[in-house]
C-alpha atoms as a PDB file:
ATOM      1  CA  MET A   1      50.788 179.541 -19.623  1.00  0.00           C
ATOM      2  CA  PRO A   2      48.494 178.368 -22.160  1.00  0.00           C
ATOM      3  CA  SER A   3      44.934 176.857 -20.577  1.00  0.00           C
ATOM      4  CA  ALA A   4      45.115 172.567 -20.753  1.00  0.00           C
ATOM      5  CA  ASP A   5      41.309 172.896 -21.763  1.00  0.00           C
ATOM      6  CA  VAL A   6      41.648 173.412 -25.822  1.00  0.00           C
ATOM      7  CA  ASP A   7      42.661 170.416 -26.647  1.00  0.00           C
ATOM      8  CA  ASN A   8      40.223 167.907 -28.107  1.00  0.00           C
ATOM      9  CA  GLU A   9      37.198 170.470 -29.639  1.00  0.00           C
ATOM     10  CA  PRO A  10      34.449 168.766 -32.104  1.00  0.00           C
ATOM     11  CA  HIS A  11      34.706 171.252 -34.517  1.00  0.00           C
ATOM     12  CA  PRO A  12      38.772 171.792 -34.960  1.00  0.00           C
ATOM     13  CA  GLY A  13      40.481 174.943 -37.001  1.00  0.00           C
ATOM     14  CA  LEU A  14      44.275 175.830 -36.699  1.00  0.00           C
ATOM     15  CA  PRO A  15      45.750 173.380 -35.055  1.00  0.00           C
ATOM     16  CA  ARG A  16      46.556 174.998 -31.178  1.00  0.00           C
ATOM     17  CA  PRO A  17      50.613 174.894 -31.420  1.00  0.00           C
ATOM     18  CA  LEU A  18      50.781 176.985 -34.654  1.00  0.00           C
ATOM     19  CA  GLU A  19      48.829 179.308 -32.514  1.00  0.00           C
ATOM     20  CA  VAL A  20      50.890 179.529 -29.785  1.00  0.00           C
ATOM     21  CA  VAL A  21      53.325 180.733 -32.236  1.00  0.00           C
ATOM     22  CA  LEU A  22      51.613 182.720 -34.089  1.00  0.00           C
ATOM     23  CA  SER A  23      49.695 185.115 -31.185  1.00  0.00           C
ATOM     24  CA  SER A  24      53.397 185.257 -29.924  1.00  0.00           C
ATOM     25  CA  VAL A  25      55.273 186.397 -32.913  1.00  0.00           C
ATOM     26  CA  GLY A  26      51.945 188.955 -33.307  1.00  0.00           C
ATOM     27  CA  LEU A  27      51.970 189.877 -30.039  1.00  0.00           C
ATOM     28  CA  VAL A  28      55.886 190.499 -30.443  1.00  0.00           C
ATOM     29  CA  VAL A  29      54.949 192.556 -33.596  1.00  0.00           C
ATOM     30  CA  ALA A  30      52.514 194.762 -32.557  1.00  0.00           C
ATOM     31  CA  LEU A  31      54.185 195.421 -29.708  1.00  0.00           C
ATOM     32  CA  PRO A  32      55.659 198.989 -30.985  1.00  0.00           C
ATOM     33  CA  LEU A  33      52.158 200.129 -32.203  1.00  0.00           C
ATOM     34  CA  LEU A  34      50.353 198.951 -29.564  1.00  0.00           C
ATOM     35  CA  ALA A  35      52.760 201.421 -27.777  1.00  0.00           C
ATOM     36  CA  VAL A  36      51.882 203.804 -30.141  1.00  0.00           C
ATOM     37  CA  ALA A  37      48.561 203.393 -29.598  1.00  0.00           C
ATOM     38  CA  ALA A  38      48.657 203.314 -25.691  1.00  0.00           C
ATOM     39  CA  ALA A  39      50.149 206.224 -25.473  1.00  0.00           C
ATOM     40  CA  ALA A  40      47.149 208.331 -28.477  1.00  0.00           C
ATOM     41  CA  ILE A  41      44.770 207.184 -26.206  1.00  0.00           C
ATOM     42  CA  VAL A  42      46.084 208.515 -22.815  1.00  0.00           C
ATOM     43  CA  ALA A  43      46.523 211.785 -24.911  1.00  0.00           C
ATOM     44  CA  ASP A  44      42.953 211.622 -25.712  1.00  0.00           C
ATOM     45  CA  SER A  45      41.505 210.773 -23.289  1.00  0.00           C
ATOM     46  CA  ALA A  46      41.659 210.204 -19.427  1.00  0.00           C
ATOM     47  CA  GLY A  47      41.869 206.577 -18.410  1.00  0.00           C
ATOM     48  CA  SER A  48      43.866 203.590 -18.796  1.00  0.00           C
ATOM     49  CA  PRO A  49      44.179 202.655 -23.088  1.00  0.00           C
ATOM     50  CA  PHE A  50      43.702 198.953 -22.235  1.00  0.00           C
ATOM     51  CA  PHE A  51      39.485 197.800 -21.618  1.00  0.00           C
ATOM     52  CA  LEU A  52      39.681 194.329 -19.502  1.00  0.00           C
ATOM     53  CA  HIS A  53      35.614 193.250 -20.335  1.00  0.00           C
ATOM     54  CA  GLU A  54      34.390 190.266 -18.779  1.00  0.00           C
ATOM     55  CA  ARG A  55      33.194 187.981 -21.645  1.00  0.00           C
ATOM     56  CA  VAL A  56      31.747 183.942 -22.006  1.00  0.00           C
ATOM     57  CA  GLY A  57      34.194 181.411 -23.434  1.00  0.00           C
ATOM     58  CA  ARG A  58      34.257 177.796 -24.442  1.00  0.00           C
ATOM     59  CA  GLY A  59      31.931 175.907 -22.305  1.00  0.00           C
ATOM     60  CA  GLY A  60      30.455 178.784 -20.428  1.00  0.00           C
ATOM     61  CA  ARG A  61      33.597 179.728 -18.773  1.00  0.00           C
ATOM     62  CA  ARG A  62      34.023 183.671 -18.117  1.00  0.00           C
ATOM     63  CA  PHE A  63      37.487 185.394 -18.818  1.00  0.00           C
ATOM     64  CA  LEU A  64      38.775 189.005 -18.955  1.00  0.00           C
ATOM     65  CA  LEU A  65      39.071 189.781 -22.946  1.00  0.00           C
ATOM     66  CA  TRP A  66      41.681 192.774 -23.576  1.00  0.00           C
ATOM     67  CA  LYS A  67      40.997 195.570 -26.076  1.00  0.00           C
ATOM     68  CA  LEU A  68      42.266 198.815 -26.341  1.00  0.00           C
ATOM     69  CA  ARG A  69      40.576 201.454 -24.929  1.00  0.00           C
ATOM     70  CA  THR A  70      37.896 203.537 -27.613  1.00  0.00           C
ATOM     71  CA  MET A  71      35.787 204.654 -24.933  1.00  0.00           C
ATOM     72  CA  ARG A  72      35.595 207.201 -22.326  1.00  0.00           C
ATOM     73  CA  PRO A  73      35.238 205.539 -19.330  1.00  0.00           C
ATOM     74  CA  GLY A  74      31.887 205.342 -17.770  1.00  0.00           C
ATOM     75  CA  ASP A  75      28.751 203.470 -17.898  1.00  0.00           C
ATOM     76  CA  GLY A  76      26.011 203.067 -20.731  1.00  0.00           C
ATOM     77  CA  PRO A  77      24.271 200.108 -22.653  1.00  0.00           C
ATOM     78  CA  GLU A  78      27.134 196.844 -23.657  1.00  0.00           C
ATOM     79  CA  VAL A  79      25.672 197.981 -27.816  1.00  0.00           C
ATOM     80  CA  THR A  80      27.341 200.399 -29.337  1.00  0.00           C
ATOM     81  CA  ALA A  81      25.928 202.602 -32.393  1.00  0.00           C
ATOM     82  CA  ALA A  82      28.195 204.351 -34.913  1.00  0.00           C
ATOM     83  CA  GLY A  83      28.076 208.275 -33.493  1.00  0.00           C
ATOM     84  CA  ASP A  84      28.212 207.135 -30.253  1.00  0.00           C
ATOM     85  CA  SER A  85      29.112 209.862 -28.043  1.00  0.00           C
ATOM     86  CA  ARG A  86      31.641 207.769 -25.612  1.00  0.00           C
ATOM     87  CA  VAL A  87      33.928 206.888 -28.991  1.00  0.00           C
ATOM     88  CA  THR A  88      36.956 208.971 -28.290  1.00  0.00           C
ATOM     89  CA  ARG A  89      38.822 210.790 -31.338  1.00  0.00           C
ATOM     90  CA  VAL A  90      41.516 208.124 -31.275  1.00  0.00           C
ATOM     91  CA  GLY A  91      38.831 205.444 -30.529  1.00  0.00           C
ATOM     92  CA  ARG A  92      37.193 205.886 -34.097  1.00  0.00           C
ATOM     93  CA  MET A  93      40.461 205.583 -35.562  1.00  0.00           C
ATOM     94  CA  LEU A  94      41.306 202.461 -34.057  1.00  0.00           C
ATOM     95  CA  ARG A  95      38.083 200.935 -34.256  1.00  0.00           C
ATOM     96  CA  ARG A  96      37.741 201.994 -38.450  1.00  0.00           C
ATOM     97  CA  LEU A  97      41.036 199.559 -38.536  1.00  0.00           C
ATOM     98  CA  LYS A  98      40.299 197.325 -35.737  1.00  0.00           C
ATOM     99  CA  LEU A  99      42.993 198.248 -34.342  1.00  0.00           C
ATOM    100  CA  ASP A 100      41.793 197.716 -30.751  1.00  0.00           C
ATOM    101  CA  GLU A 101      41.446 194.039 -31.557  1.00  0.00           C
ATOM    102  CA  LEU A 102      45.095 193.478 -31.110  1.00  0.00           C
ATOM    103  CA  PRO A 103      45.380 192.969 -27.620  1.00  0.00           C
ATOM    104  CA  GLN A 104      42.987 189.785 -27.634  1.00  0.00           C
ATOM    105  CA  LEU A 105      46.685 187.721 -29.340  1.00  0.00           C
ATOM    106  CA  TRP A 106      47.312 187.721 -25.557  1.00  0.00           C
ATOM    107  CA  ASN A 107      43.990 185.739 -24.604  1.00  0.00           C
ATOM    108  CA  VAL A 108      45.082 183.490 -28.317  1.00  0.00           C
ATOM    109  CA  LEU A 109      48.634 182.806 -26.592  1.00  0.00           C
ATOM    110  CA  LYS A 110      46.728 182.069 -23.228  1.00  0.00           C
ATOM    111  CA  GLY A 111      44.431 179.656 -24.843  1.00  0.00           C
ATOM    112  CA  GLU A 112      41.003 181.695 -23.724  1.00  0.00           C
ATOM    113  CA  MET A 113      40.275 182.240 -27.616  1.00  0.00           C
ATOM    114  CA  SER A 114      41.315 181.392 -31.107  1.00  0.00           C
ATOM    115  CA  PHE A 115      42.269 183.294 -33.896  1.00  0.00           C
ATOM    116  CA  VAL A 116      39.055 182.250 -35.814  1.00  0.00           C
ATOM    117  CA  GLY A 117      36.086 181.461 -34.145  1.00  0.00           C
ATOM    118  CA  PRO A 118      32.522 182.990 -32.602  1.00  0.00           C
ATOM    119  CA  ARG A 119      33.117 186.421 -31.321  1.00  0.00           C
ATOM    120  CA  PRO A 120      33.074 186.431 -27.137  1.00  0.00           C
ATOM    121  CA  GLU A 121      29.565 187.885 -26.320  1.00  0.00           C
ATOM    122  CA  VAL A 122      28.846 189.771 -22.678  1.00  0.00           C
ATOM    123  CA  PRO A 123      27.576 187.264 -19.724  1.00  0.00           C
ATOM    124  CA  ARG A 124      24.597 189.230 -19.322  1.00  0.00           C
ATOM    125  CA  PHE A 125      23.454 188.876 -23.598  1.00  0.00           C
ATOM    126  CA  VAL A 126      24.386 184.415 -23.040  1.00  0.00           C
ATOM    127  CA  ASP A 127      21.893 182.652 -22.663  1.00  0.00           C
ATOM    128  CA  LEU A 128      24.153 178.722 -20.841  1.00  0.00           C
ATOM    129  CA  THR A 129      20.522 177.158 -20.949  1.00  0.00           C
ATOM    130  CA  SER A 130      19.870 177.669 -24.521  1.00  0.00           C
ATOM    131  CA  GLU A 131      20.350 174.571 -26.647  1.00  0.00           C
ATOM    132  CA  ILE A 132      22.232 176.671 -29.634  1.00  0.00           C
ATOM    133  CA  TRP A 133      24.109 178.725 -27.129  1.00  0.00           C
ATOM    134  CA  ARG A 134      25.769 174.971 -26.007  1.00  0.00           C
ATOM    135  CA  SER A 135      27.232 174.147 -28.849  1.00  0.00           C
ATOM    136  CA  VAL A 136      28.581 177.180 -30.540  1.00  0.00           C
ATOM    137  CA  LEU A 137      30.194 177.011 -26.383  1.00  0.00           C
ATOM    138  CA  THR A 138      32.121 173.444 -27.276  1.00  0.00           C
ATOM    139  CA  VAL A 139      34.791 175.976 -28.809  1.00  0.00           C
ATOM    140  CA  ARG A 140      36.892 179.160 -28.096  1.00  0.00           C
ATOM    141  CA  PRO A 141      35.817 182.365 -29.119  1.00  0.00           C
ATOM    142  CA  GLY A 142      37.917 183.836 -32.069  1.00  0.00           C
ATOM    143  CA  ILE A 143      38.975 187.524 -32.722  1.00  0.00           C
ATOM    144  CA  THR A 144      37.309 187.020 -36.149  1.00  0.00           C
ATOM    145  CA  ASP A 145      34.693 184.296 -38.373  1.00  0.00           C
ATOM    146  CA  PRO A 146      32.767 184.923 -41.261  1.00  0.00           C
ATOM    147  CA  VAL A 147      29.921 186.149 -39.126  1.00  0.00           C
ATOM    148  CA  ALA A 148      32.412 189.248 -37.873  1.00  0.00           C
ATOM    149  CA  LEU A 149      33.049 190.212 -41.770  1.00  0.00           C
ATOM    150  CA  ALA A 150      29.987 189.857 -42.827  1.00  0.00           C
ATOM    151  CA  LEU A 151      28.788 192.109 -40.068  1.00  0.00           C
ATOM    152  CA  LYS A 152      32.351 194.370 -40.161  1.00  0.00           C
ATOM    153  CA  ASP A 153      29.474 197.480 -39.667  1.00  0.00           C
ATOM    154  CA  GLU A 154      27.430 196.928 -37.055  1.00  0.00           C
ATOM    155  CA  GLU A 155      27.854 199.507 -35.794  1.00  0.00           C
ATOM    156  CA  ALA A 156      25.960 201.927 -38.541  1.00  0.00           C
ATOM    157  CA  LEU A 157      23.838 199.007 -38.916  1.00  0.00           C
ATOM    158  CA  LEU A 158      22.440 199.515 -35.494  1.00  0.00           C
ATOM    159  CA  ALA A 159      22.676 202.899 -35.875  1.00  0.00           C
ATOM    160  CA  GLU A 160      19.588 202.239 -38.764  1.00  0.00           C
ATOM    161  CA  VAL A 161      17.673 200.568 -36.265  1.00  0.00           C
ATOM    162  CA  ALA A 162      15.005 203.155 -34.029  1.00  0.00           C
ATOM    163  CA  GLY A 163      14.005 202.105 -30.953  1.00  0.00           C
ATOM    164  CA  ASP A 164      15.884 200.003 -28.118  1.00  0.00           C
ATOM    165  CA  ARG A 165      19.012 198.750 -29.707  1.00  0.00           C
ATOM    166  CA  GLU A 166      19.680 196.041 -26.774  1.00  0.00           C
ATOM    167  CA  ARG A 167      16.389 194.564 -28.003  1.00  0.00           C
ATOM    168  CA  PHE A 168      16.815 194.132 -31.233  1.00  0.00           C
ATOM    169  CA  TYR A 169      20.522 193.169 -30.899  1.00  0.00           C
ATOM    170  CA  ARG A 170      18.871 190.478 -28.400  1.00  0.00           C
ATOM    171  CA  GLU A 171      16.071 189.590 -30.095  1.00  0.00           C
ATOM    172  CA  THR A 172      17.030 189.569 -33.674  1.00  0.00           C
ATOM    173  CA  LEU A 173      20.434 190.189 -34.615  1.00  0.00           C
ATOM    174  CA  GLN A 174      22.224 188.087 -32.137  1.00  0.00           C
ATOM    175  CA  PRO A 175      19.922 185.107 -32.976  1.00  0.00           C
ATOM    176  CA  TYR A 176      21.449 185.381 -36.569  1.00  0.00           C
ATOM    177  CA  LYS A 177      24.806 185.465 -35.500  1.00  0.00           C
ATOM    178  CA  LEU A 178      24.412 182.070 -33.519  1.00  0.00           C
ATOM    179  CA  ARG A 179      22.935 180.361 -36.292  1.00  0.00           C
ATOM    180  CA  GLY A 180      26.220 181.590 -38.583  1.00  0.00           C
ATOM    181  CA  TYR A 181      28.743 180.286 -36.308  1.00  0.00           C
ATOM    182  CA  LEU A 182      26.545 177.178 -36.546  1.00  0.00           C
ATOM    183  CA  GLU A 183      26.766 176.999 -39.850  1.00  0.00           C
ATOM    184  CA  TYR A 184      30.607 177.836 -40.195  1.00  0.00           C
ATOM    185  CA  LEU A 185      31.523 175.205 -37.756  1.00  0.00           C
ATOM    186  CA  ASP A 186      29.243 172.498 -39.192  1.00  0.00           C
ATOM    187  CA  SER A 187      32.509 172.895 -42.061  1.00  0.00           C
ATOM    188  CA  ARG A 188      34.915 174.520 -39.691  1.00  0.00           C
ATOM    189  CA  SER A 189      38.995 172.996 -40.624  1.00  0.00           C
ATOM    190  CA  ALA A 190      42.530 174.342 -40.257  1.00  0.00           C
ATOM    191  CA  TRP A 191      41.986 175.815 -43.725  1.00  0.00           C
ATOM    192  CA  THR A 192      38.634 177.446 -43.423  1.00  0.00           C
ATOM    193  CA  ASP A 193      40.246 179.389 -40.597  1.00  0.00           C
ATOM    194  CA  LEU A 194      43.042 180.152 -42.606  1.00  0.00           C
ATOM    195  CA  GLY A 195      41.446 181.791 -45.632  1.00  0.00           C
ATOM    196  CA  VAL A 196      38.782 183.951 -42.683  1.00  0.00           C
ATOM    197  CA  ILE A 197      42.436 185.248 -41.520  1.00  0.00           C
ATOM    198  CA  VAL A 198      43.758 186.237 -44.964  1.00  0.00           C
ATOM    199  CA  ARG A 199      40.110 187.613 -45.839  1.00  0.00           C
ATOM    200  CA  THR A 200      40.169 189.304 -42.218  1.00  0.00           C
ATOM    201  CA  VAL A 201      43.684 191.065 -42.960  1.00  0.00           C
ATOM    202  CA  LEU A 202      42.583 192.220 -46.423  1.00  0.00           C
ATOM    203  CA  ALA A 203      39.602 193.607 -45.368  1.00  0.00           C
ATOM    204  CA  ALA A 204      41.637 195.610 -42.518  1.00  0.00           C
ATOM    205  CA  ALA A 205      43.901 196.422 -45.430  1.00  0.00           C
ATOM    206  CA  HIS A 206      40.460 198.032 -47.220  1.00  0.00           C
ATOM    207  CA  LEU A 207      42.063 195.438 -50.210  1.00  0.00           C
ATOM    208  CA  LEU A 208      38.619 193.167 -50.107  1.00  0.00           C
ATOM    209  CA  GLN A 209      35.522 194.215 -50.486  1.00  0.00           C
ATOM    210  CA  ILE A 210      33.048 191.933 -48.344  1.00  0.00           C
ATOM    211  CA  PRO A 211      29.284 192.883 -48.845  1.00  0.00           C
ATOM    212  CA  ALA A 212      27.898 194.158 -45.857  1.00  0.00           C
ATOM    213  CA  VAL A 213      24.648 192.561 -44.454  1.00  0.00           C
ATOM    214  CA  THR A 214      21.495 195.021 -44.344  1.00  0.00           C
ATOM    215  CA  LEU A 215      18.907 195.321 -41.815  1.00  0.00           C
ATOM    216  CA  ALA A 216      16.166 193.680 -44.800  1.00  0.00           C
ATOM    217  CA  GLN A 217      18.674 190.641 -45.261  1.00  0.00           C
ATOM    218  CA  ILE A 218      18.496 190.161 -41.353  1.00  0.00           C
ATOM    219  CA  ASP A 219      14.793 190.915 -41.373  1.00  0.00           C
ATOM    220  CA  SER A 220      14.000 188.456 -44.233  1.00  0.00           C
ATOM    221  CA  ARG A 221      16.260 185.063 -42.174  1.00  0.00           C
ATOM    222  CA  ARG A 222      14.311 186.320 -39.278  1.00  0.00           C
ATOM    223  CA  ASP A 223      11.315 186.121 -40.870  1.00  0.00           C
ATOM    224  CA  ARG A 224      12.137 182.650 -42.783  1.00  0.00           C
ATOM    225  CA  ASP A 225      13.309 180.600 -39.673  1.00  0.00           C
ATOM    226  CA  LEU A 226       9.871 181.959 -37.900  1.00  0.00           C
ATOM    227  CA  SER A 227       7.634 180.617 -40.983  1.00  0.00           C
ATOM    228  CA  HIS A 228       9.781 176.906 -40.325  1.00  0.00           C
ATOM    229  CA  THR A 229       9.073 177.050 -36.284  1.00  0.00           C
END
């Protein structure tokens, strides 16, 4: 059953009934592709074809995010850079085509996520005492959003970072994302959400080129923010 706590969001996007219909249809349509992908994952490496990971949702409530598994089971850093040896051959293809995100339609159907919204973060990277985090968590996380589109090559971006990548993520990249989320939410509507979905589909099909954010742009934004504090 969809969660009842998805009503009355302060920055509403697509109506919840429409998301229920779209996620239901999407799961049915994607089922053959998910079955083929799951078989390929199991044939390529041992373990479940699905990856369930705890994330933080609206109001700080935790939930299990569903994805197709793209890595070999085992421990490792939370952030993934291009060339990570944990990523399997099939996993690289799934990540490149963004097909590993398809099972999140189930999270949308359950009311834990939306189609468009801030990407859900792992608990250890969320600060519930932070005002900006509390603002971001007033809405459900999403499968896609403008920040995710701009950072579509995030793994390649992280591969350019010398030194502690988790520290860079927490201190530089994540604040950049949070500001972007709030900027989008300030003008969010059902129409802007539809626009983001269309752009995401076109970008995944390589029919739309979206300029990627660079390290220099992120550093420049950080420096500007620091100069105003």
